[in-house]
Amino acid sequence: MTGTHSILDSAAPSDVSDSPFAHLLRVDCLPEELYRGLSQAMPRPTVPANTPQNFLALIDPFEPLIAARLTEAWRWFVSHHTSPAFFQSIVRVMGPAIRRAHPDLETRLGIPLEAAPTVRANDPTASQNPRTPAVRLGLQFGFNTPVTTSSSVRGAHIDKARRLISALLYFPEPGDDAGGDLMLYRHRGARRLHGVSVDLKDVEPVSRIAYAPNTLIMFVNSVDAVHGVLPRRPTPHIRRYVNFFVDLADDFIDSRPYQITAPAGA
């Protein structure tokens, strides 16, 4: 099955939860046959023997050697989810939540979200053009290497200051039950950040997103969008997902008022 299905097909603004921050959770996100075909044909990274456990590898599907091996279904999927049409879907579903989290964003852009032109992130031709649009859409194949000692690939944090939207679609390998769920947190009181990291004593867990097949989590990034990956037990399996993101050309999230000078864990 090739199909032309978006991860936001049939999603609506009413599906977006504001607790603990604006996010969309979709279980059974894609039609089962399409998901199964994508999962079976997902590129697999080459992992050298000395690679650390729980190491993050991100693969650009537009890299020529990778792109040449993608199936027809993957080529359509990658192309659509980095397209202006997909950004319009994001605005349709997440637009109200974006405006609540960042009420001055459209003023900064000088244009309504619906009218904002887009470009594919990391497009080498666009990077050389001073008129490159401010909104950049990206997609990556994400992998975390096998685990020998229970550990987390990434603790509690917010995403970088130019990121507007983050999303993950999970593709666990068959038989992978080692964990690695995503936890969404809420600040316990005043916001306390160490760069983009957050000490667990300063947040409380609210929503646990299972690392389960065909599960999508999409959220609006902000100083309140604290999330982290829970530890995985020892496993020979690679943790697999597709990473979707929307970045702006410049940083727009100001976390300076909430920065703590002491390092996390001190």
Protein backbone atom coordinates (compact mmCIF):
# COMPACT_ATOMS: atom_id res chain seq x y z
CA MET A 1 0.00 0.00 0.00
CA THR A 2 1.48 3.34 -1.00
CA GLY A 3 -1.30 5.66 0.07
CA THR A 4 -1.34 9.40 0.53
CA HIS A 5 -2.04 9.69 4.21
CA SER A 6 -0.86 12.48 6.48
CA ILE A 7 -0.19 12.02 10.18
CA LEU A 8 -2.82 14.74 10.71
CA ASP A 9 -5.61 13.24 8.59
CA SER A 10 -8.94 13.71 10.41
CA ALA A 11 -7.25 15.49 13.36
CA ALA A 12 -8.95 18.62 14.71
CA PRO A 13 -8.10 21.45 17.12
CA SER A 14 -10.46 19.86 19.64
CA ASP A 15 -8.09 16.86 19.79
CA VAL A 16 -5.31 19.02 21.23
CA SER A 17 -4.86 18.83 24.99
CA ASP A 18 -3.44 21.73 27.00
CA SER A 19 -2.34 19.60 29.96
CA PRO A 20 0.47 19.91 30.83
CA PHE A 21 1.14 21.87 27.62
CA ALA A 22 -0.36 21.92 24.15
CA HIS A 23 0.01 18.48 22.57
CA LEU A 24 -1.74 16.10 20.21
CA LEU A 25 -1.68 12.36 20.85
CA ARG A 26 -2.81 10.00 18.08
CA VAL A 27 -2.88 6.24 18.63
CA ASP A 28 -3.15 4.18 15.41
CA CYS A 29 -2.12 7.32 13.56
CA LEU A 30 -1.76 5.80 10.08
CA PRO A 31 -3.79 3.09 8.34
CA GLU A 32 -2.42 -0.24 9.56
CA GLU A 33 -1.34 -1.52 6.14
CA LEU A 34 0.52 1.69 5.35
CA TYR A 35 2.19 1.77 8.77
CA ARG A 36 3.28 -1.85 8.47
CA GLY A 37 4.80 -1.25 5.04
CA LEU A 38 6.67 1.85 6.23
CA SER A 39 7.93 0.02 9.29
CA GLN A 40 9.26 -2.90 7.26
CA ALA A 41 11.01 -0.58 4.80
CA MET A 42 12.37 1.93 7.31
CA PRO A 43 16.09 2.62 6.72
CA ARG A 44 18.34 1.12 9.35
CA PRO A 45 21.51 2.85 10.51
CA THR A 46 24.90 1.22 10.46
CA VAL A 47 25.99 1.00 14.09
CA PRO A 48 29.76 0.55 14.64
CA ALA A 49 30.68 -1.92 17.36
CA ASN A 50 32.13 0.81 19.62
CA THR A 51 29.04 3.08 19.46
CA PRO A 52 27.88 4.07 22.97
CA GLN A 53 24.59 2.69 24.24
CA ASN A 54 21.50 4.87 23.83
CA PHE A 55 23.33 6.95 21.24
CA LEU A 56 21.10 9.17 19.10
CA ALA A 57 21.47 8.89 15.34
CA LEU A 58 19.43 11.07 12.98
CA ILE A 59 19.26 10.28 9.26
CA ASP A 60 18.28 12.87 6.66
CA PRO A 61 15.96 11.16 4.15
CA PHE A 62 17.02 13.68 1.50
CA GLU A 63 20.64 12.56 1.70
CA PRO A 64 21.20 11.07 -1.79
CA LEU A 65 22.28 7.59 -0.71
CA ILE A 66 19.30 7.32 1.65
CA ALA A 67 16.80 8.85 -0.76
CA ALA A 68 17.80 6.41 -3.49
CA ARG A 69 16.82 3.45 -1.29
CA LEU A 70 13.45 4.76 -0.09
CA THR A 71 10.32 2.96 -1.19
CA GLU A 72 7.60 4.80 -3.07
CA ALA A 73 5.54 5.03 0.10
CA TRP A 74 8.42 6.54 2.05
CA ARG A 75 9.23 9.00 -0.73
CA TRP A 76 5.67 10.32 -0.73
CA PHE A 77 5.57 10.38 3.08
CA VAL A 78 8.80 12.34 3.37
CA SER A 79 7.89 14.78 0.59
CA HIS A 80 4.42 15.50 1.94
CA HIS A 81 5.50 16.02 5.55
CA THR A 82 8.02 18.67 4.53
CA SER A 83 5.63 20.49 2.19
CA PRO A 84 3.60 23.72 2.40
CA ALA A 85 0.44 21.59 2.36
CA PHE A 86 1.53 19.82 5.53
CA PHE A 87 2.27 23.13 7.24
CA GLN A 88 -1.29 24.17 6.45
CA SER A 89 -2.47 20.99 8.17
CA ILE A 90 -0.37 21.88 11.21
CA VAL A 91 -1.88 25.37 11.32
CA ARG A 92 -5.38 23.92 10.93
CA VAL A 93 -4.94 21.54 13.87
CA MET A 94 -2.37 23.24 16.11
CA GLY A 95 -2.92 26.88 15.14
CA PRO A 96 -5.16 27.81 18.10
CA ALA A 97 -2.68 26.21 20.51
CA ILE A 98 0.27 27.96 18.82
CA ARG A 99 -1.46 31.32 19.21
CA ARG A 100 -2.21 30.66 22.89
CA ALA A 101 1.40 29.70 23.60
CA HIS A 102 2.96 32.45 21.46
CA PRO A 103 0.46 35.30 21.05
CA ASP A 104 3.05 37.61 19.47
CA LEU A 105 4.38 35.10 16.94
CA GLU A 106 2.44 36.37 13.93
CA THR A 107 3.51 39.92 14.74
CA ARG A 108 7.13 38.74 14.72
CA LEU A 109 6.60 36.99 11.41
CA GLY A 110 4.71 39.96 9.99
CA ILE A 111 2.18 37.61 8.44
CA PRO A 112 -0.62 35.24 9.57
CA LEU A 113 0.44 31.64 10.06
CA GLU A 114 -1.88 30.54 7.25
CA ALA A 115 -0.02 32.80 4.82
CA ALA A 116 3.52 32.01 5.96
CA PRO A 117 5.69 30.57 3.16
CA THR A 118 7.76 27.53 4.05
CA VAL A 119 10.91 25.79 2.96
CA ARG A 120 12.36 22.37 3.73
CA ALA A 121 14.82 22.53 6.61
CA ASN A 122 18.45 21.96 5.64
CA ASP A 123 17.71 22.54 1.96
CA PRO A 124 21.18 23.59 0.71
CA THR A 125 19.76 25.77 -2.07
CA ALA A 126 17.46 27.60 0.34
CA SER A 127 20.26 28.30 2.81
CA GLN A 128 22.04 30.33 0.14
CA ASN A 129 19.00 32.52 -0.52
CA PRO A 130 18.63 35.58 1.75
CA ARG A 131 14.90 35.53 1.02
CA THR A 132 14.46 32.03 2.41
CA PRO A 133 11.12 31.85 4.27
CA ALA A 134 11.24 31.96 8.05
CA VAL A 135 9.30 28.69 8.49
CA ARG A 136 11.35 25.52 7.93
CA LEU A 137 9.84 22.03 7.94
CA GLY A 138 12.02 19.03 8.70
CA LEU A 139 11.78 15.26 8.89
CA GLN A 140 14.41 12.81 10.10
CA PHE A 141 14.66 9.11 10.78
CA GLY A 142 15.59 8.81 14.46
CA PHE A 143 17.35 5.91 16.15
CA ASN A 144 18.64 5.21 19.65
CA THR A 145 21.20 2.42 19.84
CA PRO A 146 20.72 -0.77 21.93
CA VAL A 147 20.99 -0.52 25.70
CA THR A 148 23.33 -2.53 27.93
CA THR A 149 22.58 -0.73 31.21
CA SER A 150 19.20 0.82 31.99
CA SER A 151 19.40 4.46 30.95
CA SER A 152 17.61 7.34 29.26
CA VAL A 153 18.69 8.89 25.97
CA ARG A 154 17.43 12.34 27.03
CA GLY A 155 16.19 13.62 30.37
CA ALA A 156 13.68 16.39 31.03
CA HIS A 157 14.17 19.37 28.72
CA ILE A 158 12.56 21.85 26.38
CA ASP A 159 13.47 22.04 22.71
CA LYS A 160 15.70 24.69 21.18
CA ALA A 161 14.55 28.30 21.05
CA ARG A 162 13.77 28.40 17.33
CA ARG A 163 11.61 25.25 17.36
CA LEU A 164 7.87 25.85 17.05
CA ILE A 165 6.51 22.31 16.60
CA SER A 166 7.98 18.92 17.47
CA ALA A 167 6.45 15.55 16.67
CA LEU A 168 7.42 11.90 16.92
CA LEU A 169 5.86 8.89 15.21
CA TYR A 170 7.03 5.66 16.82
CA PHE A 171 8.18 2.58 14.88
CA PRO A 172 9.26 -0.02 17.51
CA GLU A 173 10.96 -3.12 16.22
CA PRO A 174 8.92 -6.31 16.69
CA GLY A 175 9.44 -7.65 20.19
CA ASP A 176 10.81 -4.40 21.60
CA ASP A 177 9.28 -4.04 25.08
CA ALA A 178 12.24 -2.35 26.76
CA GLY A 179 10.49 0.96 27.48
CA GLY A 180 11.60 4.39 26.36
CA ASP A 181 8.22 6.08 26.80
CA LEU A 182 7.99 9.87 26.58
CA MET A 183 6.99 11.76 29.73
CA LEU A 184 5.36 15.19 29.63
CA TYR A 185 6.06 17.31 32.70
CA ARG A 186 4.67 20.38 34.44
CA HIS A 187 6.76 22.93 36.35
CA ARG A 188 6.19 22.49 40.09
CA GLY A 189 6.33 26.21 40.70
CA ALA A 190 8.51 28.89 39.18
CA ARG A 191 10.17 27.83 35.95
CA ARG A 192 13.78 26.77 36.53
CA LEU A 193 15.88 25.97 33.46
CA HIS A 194 19.51 24.99 33.01
CA GLY A 195 19.94 25.92 29.36
CA VAL A 196 17.26 23.69 27.85
CA SER A 197 17.53 21.05 30.59
CA VAL A 198 15.28 20.79 33.62
CA ASP A 199 16.03 19.14 36.96
CA LEU A 200 13.46 16.47 37.81
CA LYS A 201 12.97 17.97 41.26
CA ASP A 202 11.57 21.09 39.59
CA VAL A 203 8.86 19.34 37.55
CA GLU A 204 6.10 16.80 38.09
CA PRO A 205 5.20 14.03 35.63
CA VAL A 206 1.76 14.45 34.06
CA SER A 207 1.31 12.39 30.89
CA ARG A 208 3.17 9.26 29.82
CA ILE A 209 3.21 8.59 26.07
CA ALA A 210 3.86 4.93 25.33
CA TYR A 211 6.62 4.02 22.92
CA ALA A 212 4.15 1.94 20.95
CA PRO A 213 3.64 1.20 17.25
CA ASN A 214 1.91 3.83 15.15
CA THR A 215 1.70 6.34 18.01
CA LEU A 216 2.12 10.05 17.26
CA ILE A 217 2.88 12.80 19.74
CA MET A 218 2.99 16.40 18.45
CA PHE A 219 3.41 19.48 20.63
CA VAL A 220 3.96 23.23 20.62
CA ASN A 221 7.39 24.08 21.96
CA SER A 222 7.65 26.71 24.71
CA VAL A 223 9.30 27.23 28.09
CA ASP A 224 6.49 25.08 29.50
CA ALA A 225 6.89 22.15 27.07
CA VAL A 226 9.09 20.04 29.35
CA HIS A 227 9.45 16.44 28.17
CA GLY A 228 11.92 13.60 28.42
CA VAL A 229 12.49 9.98 27.50
CA LEU A 230 12.11 7.46 30.32
CA PRO A 231 14.85 4.85 30.81
CA ARG A 232 15.04 1.79 28.60
CA ARG A 233 15.92 -1.60 29.99
CA PRO A 234 18.81 -3.55 28.46
CA THR A 235 17.80 -4.59 24.96
CA PRO A 236 19.35 -5.48 21.60
CA HIS A 237 16.63 -3.46 19.87
CA ILE A 238 17.09 -0.04 18.31
CA ARG A 239 14.53 2.57 19.36
CA ARG A 240 13.03 3.88 16.09
CA TYR A 241 10.90 6.87 15.21
CA VAL A 242 10.34 9.60 12.67
CA ASN A 243 11.09 13.09 13.94
CA PHE A 244 9.03 15.93 12.46
CA PHE A 245 9.74 19.57 13.28
CA VAL A 246 8.91 23.15 12.38
CA ASP A 247 11.66 25.68 13.03
CA LEU A 248 11.81 29.41 12.54
CA ALA A 249 14.85 31.12 11.06
CA ASP A 250 15.74 32.73 14.41
CA ASP A 251 15.29 32.04 18.11
CA PHE A 252 11.91 33.30 19.32
CA ILE A 253 11.49 31.58 22.71
CA ASP A 254 13.13 33.67 25.42
CA SER A 255 14.11 31.45 28.34
CA ARG A 256 16.57 33.91 29.89
CA PRO A 257 14.25 34.95 32.76
CA TYR A 258 14.08 31.33 33.92
CA GLN A 259 17.73 30.34 33.75
CA ILE A 260 19.46 29.06 36.89
CA THR A 261 23.20 29.58 37.03
CA ALA A 262 24.00 26.37 38.91
CA PRO A 263 24.25 23.26 36.71
CA ALA A 264 21.41 20.74 36.73
CA GLY A 265 21.76 18.23 39.56
CA ALA A 266 23.96 20.53 41.66
